[in-house]
Structures are given as structure tokens and as C-alpha cells.
C-alpha atoms as a PDB file:
ATOM      1  CA  UNK A   1      28.780 -22.175   7.483  1.00  0.00           C
ATOM      2  CA  UNK A   2      26.091 -23.163   9.963  1.00  0.00           C
ATOM      3  CA  UNK A   3      24.659 -20.181  11.805  1.00  0.00           C
ATOM      4  CA  UNK A   4      24.836 -22.011  15.187  1.00  0.00           C
ATOM      5  CA  UNK A   5      28.493 -22.757  14.650  1.00  0.00           C
ATOM      6  CA  UNK A   6      29.190 -19.041  13.866  1.00  0.00           C
ATOM      7  CA  UNK A   7      27.401 -18.077  17.123  1.00  0.00           C
ATOM      8  CA  UNK A   8      29.462 -20.622  19.116  1.00  0.00           C
ATOM      9  CA  UNK A   9      32.725 -19.338  17.579  1.00  0.00           C
ATOM     10  CA  UNK A  10      31.813 -15.661  18.303  1.00  0.00           C
ATOM     11  CA  UNK A  11      30.863 -16.561  21.859  1.00  0.00           C
ATOM     12  CA  UNK A  12      34.162 -18.398  22.443  1.00  0.00           C
ATOM     13  CA  UNK A  13      36.113 -15.420  21.040  1.00  0.00           C
ATOM     14  CA  UNK A  14      34.187 -13.071  23.263  1.00  0.00           C
ATOM     15  CA  UNK A  15      34.947 -15.203  26.359  1.00  0.00           C
ATOM     16  CA  UNK A  16      38.659 -15.339  25.530  1.00  0.00           C
ATOM     17  CA  UNK A  17      39.071 -11.692  24.304  1.00  0.00           C
ATOM     18  CA  UNK A  18      39.757  -9.946  27.732  1.00  0.00           C
ATOM     19  CA  UNK A  19      42.900 -12.082  28.186  1.00  0.00           C
ATOM     20  CA  UNK A  20      44.449 -10.483  25.077  1.00  0.00           C
ATOM     21  CA  UNK A  21      42.782  -7.078  24.833  1.00  0.00           C
ATOM     22  CA  UNK A  22      42.180  -4.391  27.499  1.00  0.00           C
ATOM     23  CA  UNK A  23      38.823  -5.270  29.146  1.00  0.00           C
ATOM     24  CA  UNK A  24      37.575  -1.703  29.457  1.00  0.00           C
ATOM     25  CA  UNK A  25      38.075  -1.135  25.728  1.00  0.00           C
ATOM     26  CA  UNK A  26      36.195  -4.315  24.969  1.00  0.00           C
ATOM     27  CA  UNK A  27      33.324  -3.320  27.278  1.00  0.00           C
ATOM     28  CA  UNK A  28      33.082   0.044  25.585  1.00  0.00           C
ATOM     29  CA  UNK A  29      32.780  -1.742  22.237  1.00  0.00           C
ATOM     30  CA  UNK A  30      30.069  -4.037  23.574  1.00  0.00           C
ATOM     31  CA  UNK A  31      28.081  -1.083  24.839  1.00  0.00           C
ATOM     32  CA  UNK A  32      28.284   0.783  21.485  1.00  0.00           C
ATOM     33  CA  UNK A  33      27.517  -2.491  19.592  1.00  0.00           C
ATOM     34  CA  UNK A  34      24.287  -2.861  21.645  1.00  0.00           C
ATOM     35  CA  UNK A  35      23.482   0.845  21.023  1.00  0.00           C
ATOM     36  CA  UNK A  36      23.953   0.405  17.269  1.00  0.00           C
ATOM     37  CA  UNK A  37      21.824  -2.812  17.232  1.00  0.00           C
ATOM     38  CA  UNK A  38      19.047  -0.983  19.103  1.00  0.00           C
ATOM     39  CA  UNK A  39      19.185   1.846  16.597  1.00  0.00           C
ATOM     40  CA  UNK A  40      19.149  -0.648  13.757  1.00  0.00           C
ATOM     41  CA  UNK A  41      15.921  -2.244  15.102  1.00  0.00           C
ATOM     42  CA  UNK A  42      14.245   1.086  14.399  1.00  0.00           C
ATOM     43  CA  UNK A  43      15.836   2.158  11.041  1.00  0.00           C
ATOM     44  CA  UNK A  44      16.754  -1.208   9.597  1.00  0.00           C
ATOM     45  CA  UNK A  45      13.565  -3.090  10.340  1.00  0.00           C
ATOM     46  CA  UNK A  46      10.907  -0.403  10.785  1.00  0.00           C
ATOM     47  CA  UNK A  47      12.191   2.248   8.369  1.00  0.00           C
ATOM     48  CA  UNK A  48      12.247   5.066  10.966  1.00  0.00           C
ATOM     49  CA  UNK A  49      15.375   7.329  10.881  1.00  0.00           C
ATOM     50  CA  UNK A  50      15.770   8.789  14.373  1.00  0.00           C
ATOM     51  CA  UNK A  51      18.291  11.522  14.992  1.00  0.00           C
ATOM     52  CA  UNK A  52      17.507  11.588  18.779  1.00  0.00           C
ATOM     53  CA  UNK A  53      18.973   8.332  19.977  1.00  0.00           C
ATOM     54  CA  UNK A  54      21.807  10.198  21.842  1.00  0.00           C
ATOM     55  CA  UNK A  55      19.120  11.403  24.268  1.00  0.00           C
ATOM     56  CA  UNK A  56      18.328   7.779  25.285  1.00  0.00           C
ATOM     57  CA  UNK A  57      22.020   6.798  25.605  1.00  0.00           C
ATOM     58  CA  UNK A  58      23.033   9.911  27.579  1.00  0.00           C
ATOM     59  CA  UNK A  59      20.080  10.346  29.898  1.00  0.00           C
ATOM     60  CA  UNK A  60      20.077   6.689  30.791  1.00  0.00           C
ATOM     61  CA  UNK A  61      23.765   7.123  31.726  1.00  0.00           C
ATOM     62  CA  UNK A  62      22.994  10.210  33.791  1.00  0.00           C
ATOM     63  CA  UNK A  63      20.098   8.587  35.730  1.00  0.00           C
ATOM     64  CA  UNK A  64      21.980   5.376  36.285  1.00  0.00           C
ATOM     65  CA  UNK A  65      24.935   7.379  37.625  1.00  0.00           C
ATOM     66  CA  UNK A  66      22.646   9.417  39.847  1.00  0.00           C
ATOM     67  CA  UNK A  67      20.947   6.250  41.190  1.00  0.00           C
ATOM     68  CA  UNK A  68      24.319   4.548  42.012  1.00  0.00           C
ATOM     69  CA  UNK A  69      26.277   7.534  43.238  1.00  0.00           C
ATOM     70  CA  UNK A  70      23.662   9.747  45.051  1.00  0.00           C
ATOM     71  CA  UNK A  71      20.736   7.449  45.782  1.00  0.00           C
ATOM     72  CA  UNK A  72      23.002   4.509  46.759  1.00  0.00           C
ATOM     73  CA  UNK A  73      20.866   1.959  44.888  1.00  0.00           C
ATOM     74  CA  UNK A  74      22.232  -1.555  44.122  1.00  0.00           C
ATOM     75  CA  UNK A  75      23.961  -1.899  40.688  1.00  0.00           C
ATOM     76  CA  UNK A  76      21.056  -3.897  39.182  1.00  0.00           C
ATOM     77  CA  UNK A  77      18.539  -1.251  40.173  1.00  0.00           C
ATOM     78  CA  UNK A  78      20.785   1.520  38.826  1.00  0.00           C
ATOM     79  CA  UNK A  79      20.803  -0.160  35.387  1.00  0.00           C
ATOM     80  CA  UNK A  80      17.010  -0.562  35.595  1.00  0.00           C
ATOM     81  CA  UNK A  81      16.537   3.074  36.485  1.00  0.00           C
ATOM     82  CA  UNK A  82      18.692   4.168  33.469  1.00  0.00           C
ATOM     83  CA  UNK A  83      16.876   1.805  31.138  1.00  0.00           C
ATOM     84  CA  UNK A  84      13.385   2.855  32.365  1.00  0.00           C
ATOM     85  CA  UNK A  85      14.331   6.480  31.975  1.00  0.00           C
ATOM     86  CA  UNK A  86      15.334   5.928  28.374  1.00  0.00           C
ATOM     87  CA  UNK A  87      12.052   4.019  27.762  1.00  0.00           C
ATOM     88  CA  UNK A  88       9.967   6.822  29.276  1.00  0.00           C
ATOM     89  CA  UNK A  89      11.719   9.450  27.167  1.00  0.00           C
ATOM     90  CA  UNK A  90      11.250   7.205  24.126  1.00  0.00           C
ATOM     91  CA  UNK A  91       7.524   6.924  24.877  1.00  0.00           C
ATOM     92  CA  UNK A  92       7.061  10.716  25.124  1.00  0.00           C
ATOM     93  CA  UNK A  93       9.273  11.421  22.077  1.00  0.00           C
ATOM     94  CA  UNK A  94       7.660   8.644  20.081  1.00  0.00           C
ATOM     95  CA  UNK A  95       4.097   9.883  20.756  1.00  0.00           C
ATOM     96  CA  UNK A  96       5.140  13.272  19.363  1.00  0.00           C
ATOM     97  CA  UNK A  97       7.270  12.072  16.474  1.00  0.00           C
ATOM     98  CA  UNK A  98       5.355   9.192  14.899  1.00  0.00           C
ATOM     99  CA  UNK A  99       2.614  11.540  13.877  1.00  0.00           C
ATOM    100  CA  UNK A 100       4.893  12.585  11.030  1.00  0.00           C
ATOM    101  CA  UNK A 101       6.831  10.534   8.432  1.00  0.00           C
ATOM    102  CA  UNK A 102      10.154  10.818   6.613  1.00  0.00           C
ATOM    103  CA  UNK A 103      12.322  13.848   7.159  1.00  0.00           C
ATOM    104  CA  UNK A 104       9.734  15.483   9.412  1.00  0.00           C
ATOM    105  CA  UNK A 105       9.914  12.488  11.791  1.00  0.00           C
ATOM    106  CA  UNK A 106      13.707  12.737  11.790  1.00  0.00           C
ATOM    107  CA  UNK A 107      13.777  16.476  12.435  1.00  0.00           C
ATOM    108  CA  UNK A 108      11.276  16.197  15.354  1.00  0.00           C
ATOM    109  CA  UNK A 109      13.499  13.548  17.052  1.00  0.00           C
ATOM    110  CA  UNK A 110      16.521  15.744  16.521  1.00  0.00           C
ATOM    111  CA  UNK A 111      14.743  18.832  17.922  1.00  0.00           C
ATOM    112  CA  UNK A 112      13.531  16.984  20.983  1.00  0.00           C
ATOM    113  CA  UNK A 113      16.964  15.392  21.597  1.00  0.00           C
ATOM    114  CA  UNK A 114      18.629  18.829  21.426  1.00  0.00           C
ATOM    115  CA  UNK A 115      16.065  20.148  23.987  1.00  0.00           C
ATOM    116  CA  UNK A 116      17.183  17.310  26.259  1.00  0.00           C
ATOM    117  CA  UNK A 117      20.826  18.216  25.623  1.00  0.00           C
ATOM    118  CA  UNK A 118      20.287  21.699  26.863  1.00  0.00           C
ATOM    119  CA  UNK A 119      18.425  20.382  29.940  1.00  0.00           C
ATOM    120  CA  UNK A 120      21.464  18.164  30.678  1.00  0.00           C
ATOM    121  CA  UNK A 121      23.747  21.181  30.233  1.00  0.00           C
ATOM    122  CA  UNK A 122      21.812  23.241  32.767  1.00  0.00           C
ATOM    123  CA  UNK A 123      20.666  20.561  35.290  1.00  0.00           C
ATOM    124  CA  UNK A 124      22.599  20.695  38.571  1.00  0.00           C
ATOM    125  CA  UNK A 125      22.967  16.905  39.073  1.00  0.00           C
ATOM    126  CA  UNK A 126      24.530  16.279  35.577  1.00  0.00           C
ATOM    127  CA  UNK A 127      27.630  18.356  36.407  1.00  0.00           C
ATOM    128  CA  UNK A 128      27.187  20.473  33.299  1.00  0.00           C
ATOM    129  CA  UNK A 129      30.314  20.553  31.148  1.00  0.00           C
ATOM    130  CA  UNK A 130      32.288  18.713  33.819  1.00  0.00           C
ATOM    131  CA  UNK A 131      29.928  15.698  33.640  1.00  0.00           C
ATOM    132  CA  UNK A 132      28.810  13.276  36.321  1.00  0.00           C
ATOM    133  CA  UNK A 133      31.988  11.858  37.843  1.00  0.00           C
ATOM    134  CA  UNK A 134      32.866   9.162  40.330  1.00  0.00           C
ATOM    135  CA  UNK A 135      30.053   6.667  39.621  1.00  0.00           C
ATOM    136  CA  UNK A 136      30.720   3.497  41.746  1.00  0.00           C
ATOM    137  CA  UNK A 137      30.495   0.110  40.172  1.00  0.00           C
ATOM    138  CA  UNK A 138      29.241  -1.605  43.309  1.00  0.00           C
ATOM    139  CA  UNK A 139      28.367  -5.245  43.503  1.00  0.00           C
ATOM    140  CA  UNK A 140      26.118  -7.339  41.342  1.00  0.00           C
ATOM    141  CA  UNK A 141      23.643  -9.658  43.127  1.00  0.00           C
ATOM    142  CA  UNK A 142      25.021  -8.173  46.340  1.00  0.00           C
ATOM    143  CA  UNK A 143      28.273 -10.242  46.477  1.00  0.00           C
ATOM    144  CA  UNK A 144      29.983 -10.140  43.017  1.00  0.00           C
ATOM    145  CA  UNK A 145      32.478  -7.189  43.276  1.00  0.00           C
ATOM    146  CA  UNK A 146      32.542  -5.285  40.005  1.00  0.00           C
ATOM    147  CA  UNK A 147      35.745  -3.435  40.912  1.00  0.00           C
ATOM    148  CA  UNK A 148      37.704  -6.028  38.997  1.00  0.00           C
ATOM    149  CA  UNK A 149      37.664  -5.259  35.221  1.00  0.00           C
ATOM    150  CA  UNK A 150      37.625  -8.919  34.232  1.00  0.00           C
ATOM    151  CA  UNK A 151      34.577  -9.665  36.414  1.00  0.00           C
ATOM    152  CA  UNK A 152      32.796  -6.586  35.075  1.00  0.00           C
ATOM    153  CA  UNK A 153      33.583  -7.619  31.451  1.00  0.00           C
ATOM    154  CA  UNK A 154      31.718 -10.849  31.820  1.00  0.00           C
ATOM    155  CA  UNK A 155      28.783  -9.082  33.463  1.00  0.00           C
ATOM    156  CA  UNK A 156      28.691  -6.600  30.556  1.00  0.00           C
ATOM    157  CA  UNK A 157      28.999  -9.529  28.061  1.00  0.00           C
ATOM    158  CA  UNK A 158      25.884 -11.138  29.649  1.00  0.00           C
ATOM    159  CA  UNK A 159      23.990  -7.838  29.419  1.00  0.00           C
ATOM    160  CA  UNK A 160      25.033  -7.409  25.786  1.00  0.00           C
ATOM    161  CA  UNK A 161      24.040 -10.953  24.866  1.00  0.00           C
ATOM    162  CA  UNK A 162      20.717 -10.418  26.578  1.00  0.00           C
ATOM    163  CA  UNK A 163      20.098  -7.236  24.533  1.00  0.00           C
ATOM    164  CA  UNK A 164      21.226  -8.900  21.229  1.00  0.00           C
ATOM    165  CA  UNK A 165      18.992 -11.976  21.876  1.00  0.00           C
ATOM    166  CA  UNK A 166      15.980  -9.756  22.617  1.00  0.00           C
ATOM    167  CA  UNK A 167      16.566  -7.829  19.282  1.00  0.00           C
ATOM    168  CA  UNK A 168      16.911 -11.133  17.363  1.00  0.00           C
ATOM    169  CA  UNK A 169      13.803 -12.566  19.024  1.00  0.00           C
ATOM    170  CA  UNK A 170      11.884  -9.374  18.240  1.00  0.00           C
ATOM    171  CA  UNK A 171      12.972  -9.441  14.524  1.00  0.00           C
ATOM    172  CA  UNK A 172      11.951 -13.023  14.102  1.00  0.00           C
ATOM    173  CA  UNK A 173       8.621 -12.785  15.936  1.00  0.00           C
ATOM    174  CA  UNK A 174       5.180 -11.944  14.368  1.00  0.00           C
ATOM    175  CA  UNK A 175       5.713  -8.418  15.794  1.00  0.00           C
ATOM    176  CA  UNK A 176       8.953  -8.141  13.822  1.00  0.00           C
ATOM    177  CA  UNK A 177       7.317  -9.365  10.673  1.00  0.00           C
ATOM    178  CA  UNK A 178       4.754  -6.524  10.934  1.00  0.00           C
ATOM    179  CA  UNK A 179       7.550  -4.040  11.383  1.00  0.00           C
ATOM    180  CA  UNK A 180       9.173  -5.249   8.180  1.00  0.00           C
ATOM    181  CA  UNK A 181       5.864  -4.979   6.417  1.00  0.00           C
ATOM    182  CA  UNK A 182       5.539  -1.343   7.663  1.00  0.00           C
ATOM    183  CA  UNK A 183       8.992  -0.595   6.332  1.00  0.00           C
ATOM    184  CA  UNK A 184       8.364  -2.216   2.901  1.00  0.00           C
ATOM    185  CA  UNK A 185       4.849  -0.900   2.325  1.00  0.00           C
ATOM    186  CA  UNK A 186       3.126   1.043   5.032  1.00  0.00           C
ATOM    187  CA  UNK A 187      -0.198   1.730   3.152  1.00  0.00           C
ATOM    188  CA  UNK A 188      -0.527  -2.031   2.554  1.00  0.00           C
ATOM    189  CA  UNK A 189       0.106  -2.831   6.235  1.00  0.00           C
ATOM    190  CA  UNK A 190      -2.635  -0.315   7.102  1.00  0.00           C
ATOM    191  CA  UNK A 191      -5.041  -1.894   4.509  1.00  0.00           C
ATOM    192  CA  UNK A 192      -4.445  -5.275   6.165  1.00  0.00           C
ATOM    193  CA  UNK A 193      -5.826  -3.863   9.436  1.00  0.00           C
ATOM    194  CA  UNK A 194      -2.663  -3.238  11.462  1.00  0.00           C
ATOM    195  CA  UNK A 195      -2.499  -0.312  13.814  1.00  0.00           C
ATOM    196  CA  UNK A 196       0.696   1.020  12.296  1.00  0.00           C
ATOM    197  CA  UNK A 197       1.124   3.913  14.727  1.00  0.00           C
ATOM    198  CA  UNK A 198       0.978   1.549  17.613  1.00  0.00           C
ATOM    199  CA  UNK A 199       3.554  -0.816  16.146  1.00  0.00           C
ATOM    200  CA  UNK A 200       5.879   2.132  15.374  1.00  0.00           C
ATOM    201  CA  UNK A 201       5.561   3.448  18.902  1.00  0.00           C
ATOM    202  CA  UNK A 202       6.299   0.010  20.459  1.00  0.00           C
ATOM    203  CA  UNK A 203       9.395  -0.355  18.201  1.00  0.00           C
ATOM    204  CA  UNK A 204      10.477   3.174  19.134  1.00  0.00           C
ATOM    205  CA  UNK A 205      10.116   2.556  22.892  1.00  0.00           C
ATOM    206  CA  UNK A 206      11.918  -0.827  22.633  1.00  0.00           C
ATOM    207  CA  UNK A 207      14.727   0.742  20.675  1.00  0.00           C
ATOM    208  CA  UNK A 208      14.994   3.552  23.264  1.00  0.00           C
ATOM    209  CA  UNK A 209      15.021   1.131  26.183  1.00  0.00           C
ATOM    210  CA  UNK A 210      17.794  -0.985  24.648  1.00  0.00           C
ATOM    211  CA  UNK A 211      19.789   2.201  23.893  1.00  0.00           C
ATOM    212  CA  UNK A 212      19.266   3.149  27.559  1.00  0.00           C
ATOM    213  CA  UNK A 213      20.579  -0.203  28.667  1.00  0.00           C
ATOM    214  CA  UNK A 214      23.689   0.418  26.574  1.00  0.00           C
ATOM    215  CA  UNK A 215      24.128   3.936  28.117  1.00  0.00           C
ATOM    216  CA  UNK A 216      23.623   2.714  31.638  1.00  0.00           C
ATOM    217  CA  UNK A 217      26.150  -0.074  31.206  1.00  0.00           C
ATOM    218  CA  UNK A 218      28.661   2.339  29.639  1.00  0.00           C
ATOM    219  CA  UNK A 219      28.322   4.676  32.689  1.00  0.00           C
ATOM    220  CA  UNK A 220      28.879   1.707  34.972  1.00  0.00           C
ATOM    221  CA  UNK A 221      32.005   0.672  33.040  1.00  0.00           C
ATOM    222  CA  UNK A 222      33.653   4.090  32.725  1.00  0.00           C
ATOM    223  CA  UNK A 223      32.462   5.559  36.048  1.00  0.00           C
ATOM    224  CA  UNK A 224      31.300   8.842  34.515  1.00  0.00           C
ATOM    225  CA  UNK A 225      28.795  10.400  32.073  1.00  0.00           C
ATOM    226  CA  UNK A 226      29.331  13.514  29.992  1.00  0.00           C
ATOM    227  CA  UNK A 227      27.523  15.807  27.562  1.00  0.00           C
ATOM    228  CA  UNK A 228      29.200  13.954  24.664  1.00  0.00           C
ATOM    229  CA  UNK A 229      26.632  11.120  24.921  1.00  0.00           C
ATOM    230  CA  UNK A 230      23.631  13.488  24.665  1.00  0.00           C
ATOM    231  CA  UNK A 231      24.980  15.643  21.861  1.00  0.00           C
ATOM    232  CA  UNK A 232      23.486  15.293  18.349  1.00  0.00           C
ATOM    233  CA  UNK A 233      26.881  14.136  17.051  1.00  0.00           C
ATOM    234  CA  UNK A 234      26.395  10.851  19.018  1.00  0.00           C
ATOM    235  CA  UNK A 235      23.254  10.283  17.029  1.00  0.00           C
ATOM    236  CA  UNK A 236      25.165  10.854  13.884  1.00  0.00           C
ATOM    237  CA  UNK A 237      27.838   8.401  15.079  1.00  0.00           C
ATOM    238  CA  UNK A 238      25.339   5.560  15.585  1.00  0.00           C
ATOM    239  CA  UNK A 239      23.924   6.238  12.099  1.00  0.00           C
ATOM    240  CA  UNK A 240      27.477   5.879  10.751  1.00  0.00           C
ATOM    241  CA  UNK A 241      28.053   2.637  12.659  1.00  0.00           C
ATOM    242  CA  UNK A 242      24.866   1.058  11.323  1.00  0.00           C
ATOM    243  CA  UNK A 243      25.481   2.193   7.670  1.00  0.00           C
ATOM    244  CA  UNK A 244      29.102   1.041   7.691  1.00  0.00           C
ATOM    245  CA  UNK A 245      28.257  -2.388   9.187  1.00  0.00           C
ATOM    246  CA  UNK A 246      25.054  -3.047   7.188  1.00  0.00           C
ATOM    247  CA  UNK A 247      21.591  -1.531   7.555  1.00  0.00           C
ATOM    248  CA  UNK A 248      18.903  -4.136   8.221  1.00  0.00           C
ATOM    249  CA  UNK A 249      21.351  -6.946   9.126  1.00  0.00           C
ATOM    250  CA  UNK A 250      21.652  -8.535  12.525  1.00  0.00           C
ATOM    251  CA  UNK A 251      25.474  -8.588  12.743  1.00  0.00           C
ATOM    252  CA  UNK A 252      26.127  -5.424  10.667  1.00  0.00           C
ATOM    253  CA  UNK A 253      25.719  -2.826  13.462  1.00  0.00           C
ATOM    254  CA  UNK A 254      28.083  -4.864  15.650  1.00  0.00           C
ATOM    255  CA  UNK A 255      30.765  -4.808  12.962  1.00  0.00           C
ATOM    256  CA  UNK A 256      30.193  -1.139  12.298  1.00  0.00           C
ATOM    257  CA  UNK A 257      30.472  -0.262  15.983  1.00  0.00           C
ATOM    258  CA  UNK A 258      33.689  -2.299  16.393  1.00  0.00           C
ATOM    259  CA  UNK A 259      35.249  -0.536  13.352  1.00  0.00           C
ATOM    260  CA  UNK A 260      34.333   2.959  14.378  1.00  0.00           C
ATOM    261  CA  UNK A 261      35.237   2.564  18.073  1.00  0.00           C
ATOM    262  CA  UNK A 262      38.631   1.001  17.070  1.00  0.00           C
ATOM    263  CA  UNK A 263      39.305   3.919  14.701  1.00  0.00           C
ATOM    264  CA  UNK A 264      38.486   6.454  17.440  1.00  0.00           C
ATOM    265  CA  UNK A 265      40.665   4.778  20.005  1.00  0.00           C
ATOM    266  CA  UNK A 266      43.460   3.124  18.000  1.00  0.00           C
ATOM    267  CA  UNK A 267      43.908   5.342  14.931  1.00  0.00           C
ATOM    268  CA  UNK A 268      46.794   7.220  16.615  1.00  0.00           C
ATOM    269  CA  UNK A 269      48.599   3.921  17.306  1.00  0.00           C
ATOM    270  CA  UNK A 270      48.012   2.726  13.751  1.00  0.00           C
ATOM    271  CA  UNK A 271      49.352   6.040  12.401  1.00  0.00           C
ATOM    272  CA  UNK A 272      52.543   5.812  14.524  1.00  0.00           C
ATOM    273  CA  UNK A 273      53.130   2.244  13.343  1.00  0.00           C
ATOM    274  CA  UNK A 274      52.694   3.254   9.699  1.00  0.00           C
ATOM    275  CA  UNK A 275      55.035   6.192  10.219  1.00  0.00           C
ATOM    276  CA  UNK A 276      57.720   3.855  11.583  1.00  0.00           C
ATOM    277  CA  UNK A 277      57.269   1.381   8.795  1.00  0.00           C
ATOM    278  CA  UNK A 278      57.052   3.822   5.858  1.00  0.00           C
ATOM    279  CA  UNK A 279      59.132   6.662   7.456  1.00  0.00           C
ATOM    280  CA  UNK A 280      56.380   9.054   6.308  1.00  0.00           C
ATOM    281  CA  UNK A 281      55.808  11.614   9.147  1.00  0.00           C
ATOM    282  CA  UNK A 282      52.329  12.474   7.924  1.00  0.00           C
ATOM    283  CA  UNK A 283      50.974   9.261   9.337  1.00  0.00           C
ATOM    284  CA  UNK A 284      51.765  10.554  12.883  1.00  0.00           C
ATOM    285  CA  UNK A 285      48.953  13.075  12.502  1.00  0.00           C
ATOM    286  CA  UNK A 286      46.271  10.378  11.851  1.00  0.00           C
ATOM    287  CA  UNK A 287      45.352  10.368  15.561  1.00  0.00           C
ATOM    288  CA  UNK A 288      44.224  13.993  15.252  1.00  0.00           C
ATOM    289  CA  UNK A 289      42.210  13.260  12.102  1.00  0.00           C
ATOM    290  CA  UNK A 290      39.692  10.719  13.390  1.00  0.00           C
ATOM    291  CA  UNK A 291      36.611  12.595  12.080  1.00  0.00           C
ATOM    292  CA  UNK A 292      38.261  12.998   8.569  1.00  0.00           C
ATOM    293  CA  UNK A 293      39.038   9.312   8.427  1.00  0.00           C
ATOM    294  CA  UNK A 294      35.589   8.219   9.614  1.00  0.00           C
ATOM    295  CA  UNK A 295      34.028  10.603   7.149  1.00  0.00           C
ATOM    296  CA  UNK A 296      36.188   9.133   4.387  1.00  0.00           C
ATOM    297  CA  UNK A 297      35.103   5.654   5.329  1.00  0.00           C
ATOM    298  CA  UNK A 298      31.416   6.770   5.336  1.00  0.00           C
ATOM    299  CA  UNK A 299      31.788   8.208   1.833  1.00  0.00           C
ATOM    300  CA  UNK A 300      33.476   4.998   0.539  1.00  0.00           C
ATOM    301  CA  UNK A 301      30.707   2.861   2.059  1.00  0.00           C
ATOM    302  CA  UNK A 302      27.994   4.978   0.536  1.00  0.00           C
ATOM    303  CA  UNK A 303      29.615   4.932  -2.928  1.00  0.00           C
ATOM    304  CA  UNK A 304      30.959   1.392  -3.074  1.00  0.00           C
ATOM    305  CA  UNK A 305      29.253  -0.627  -0.269  1.00  0.00           C
ATOM    306  CA  UNK A 306      25.651   0.590  -0.415  1.00  0.00           C
ATOM    307  CA  UNK A 307      24.511  -2.330   1.779  1.00  0.00           C
ATOM    308  CA  UNK A 308      27.299  -1.957   4.332  1.00  0.00           C
ATOM    309  CA  UNK A 309      30.188  -4.398   4.868  1.00  0.00           C
ATOM    310  CA  UNK A 310      28.020  -7.297   6.200  1.00  0.00           C
ATOM    311  CA  UNK A 311      25.222  -6.548   3.669  1.00  0.00           C
ATOM    312  CA  UNK A 312      27.601  -6.751   0.748  1.00  0.00           C
ATOM    313  CA  UNK A 313      29.135  -9.992   2.067  1.00  0.00           C
ATOM    314  CA  UNK A 314      25.656 -11.571   2.468  1.00  0.00           C
ATOM    315  CA  UNK A 315      24.742 -10.434  -1.089  1.00  0.00           C
ATOM    316  CA  UNK A 316      27.870 -11.961  -2.558  1.00  0.00           C
ATOM    317  CA  UNK A 317      27.296 -15.221  -0.610  1.00  0.00           C
ATOM    318  CA  UNK A 318      23.723 -15.485  -1.928  1.00  0.00           C
ATOM    319  CA  UNK A 319      24.944 -14.849  -5.532  1.00  0.00           C
ATOM    320  CA  UNK A 320      27.581 -17.575  -5.130  1.00  0.00           C
ATOM    321  CA  UNK A 321      24.993 -20.018  -3.810  1.00  0.00           C
ATOM    322  CA  UNK A 322      22.597 -19.204  -6.633  1.00  0.00           C
ATOM    323  CA  UNK A 323      25.275 -19.709  -9.249  1.00  0.00           C
ATOM    324  CA  UNK A 324      26.249 -23.034  -7.729  1.00  0.00           C
ATOM    325  CA  UNK A 325      22.614 -24.260  -7.731  1.00  0.00           C
ATOM    326  CA  UNK A 326      22.401 -23.493 -11.484  1.00  0.00           C
END
């Protein structure tokens, strides 16, 4: 199927979705989809496994909430403050982390993110374990009231499309080709004269900024920010989303985010439905076993779908096209 046709169909479904599904749930999925795509830009196309992306998501949310609630800034500036905060943290973290490779890079990002978690736990403006509550949505462009969920959904959709488009443009640009070269063979990229450290840092900061945009938008949607978003488990969750959907694919992280968020929010309803249909009471406990179910899905994907759902579909499609050509 033509790629442009697929994009048009997806866009039409996105425009119609809030009339059949709860808009706040859809907005949450869009935020996490953008977060997963931002993470995939780093690991899928640059080959850098960061375990500190929760810091960008959470701290952007905190600063956006602070800007809107306490400083009284317009909604657009609040989002910019959150995104800029994540980019700045990404710059500092990247300068320290890219000096190392492999597991050492990963552990440095995890250690720095956990430091920021404890700062968030102790800082007075974050609300500690209670979180930052009562963040106002305000108005976009000074006159579009975001108090209405449907209006806010379309604003979030525009933000998400902007983020996805930027990622796609980056991947297909000469800069993106260099990132792929670094992932495939870093010594060769160095021998060709590329400043690999600079490219890695730019990719890290861009990934952090887009993660921050997702975190800021999420705080705007839900009206609060908590320690959950800065905890290391959130970094693990985005890794899971990316692997389940398909590492190094454009659509994969979106699919992975949708699956994981739907499991977290709808698994209890699915369990109750299965219990009513099969008359097996055990299914009623599925809602309390989200981590077990997601862990099981992760194991299945690693064992059977090494390239993720979208990655396996693309591989099968290419094989089918190759067999037809012969």
C-alpha cells in the first residue's frame, strides 16, 4: 500500500477517534507515543541505549506545571519551558555520558537520572510524593480555551504530529544518515572524518527535547505531575514500548506505546469481560497483574518477535515482495 495513503488513513482515524474513545485516554497515548518515538531516535537510529529518559519526561512536566501554575505563563510558553528544561538536562547528561560506550553509557544515564529523581523527591515545588497538582490548561494562542477535552485533543494531536514529523525529517536527512552510520559502524564513521561525539550529543539533546515536549504535554492534559514519571521504571517502560513495537522503525514505537498504555488502563476491563464470557474467576485478577502481563509480552517479543511487531511485519512484507519478483 502507498505510504502516503497509509498516512492519510491514520490521520483520518486520529481526527475521528475522540468521538468514539475517551479523549483524555487518547491524549495520554499520543504523549507516550511521542515519548517512545523520541527514545527510538536515540536507540533505534544512533545505537545509544539510555536508561535516563524518565528524567526528561518528568522534569519537563514539573517545569511546565510550575510555569503554568505558579509563574502564570501562557500555555505555549509553559510547553516551551518544559521542553527547554529537558533539552538542557539532555545537554548536561549527554556531555557526561557520551564519553563512554555500551553498558557504561547506559549506567551513567541511569545514575544521573536517579540523582534527578531524588532531587524531585526533595525539591519543595515538586510536591514530593504528593506531586505537583492543579496545573491549569489555560488558553492556546490567547483565545482557544483548552478546558474542553475535545479542543485540547486536537491541540495535542497537532503537537504530536509536529514531533513525529520532526523525527521523520531528522531520520531521512543527511544528519540522520550519519547517525545510522554511527550505529552500524562507528570506527568507519570516524575514519570518514565525522565528529562522532558531536553527532551523538546532538541526537541525545534532540531526543531529550522531544521527550520533554511529550512530558510537558502530558502534564497539560492530566493537570498534575508525579514522581512516577521521573522514576527509573518509566525509562524501562519506554524501552519496553520501543522493543514491542519495533526498534529502528518509524511506526513501531507508536504501536508499542498504544499496546502498553492500553494494557495498563484497560487490562482490568478485558479481564472482567473474559471472566463473564468464560466463567473463569481468575480473569478478574488480570487488572492487578499488569506488570506480569507486560513482562510476559516482553518475553514473547524477545523470543518470537526479535524485531518487534512492526519490524516482523516489514520483514515478512519484504520477503513476500522478493518471492513475487522471482
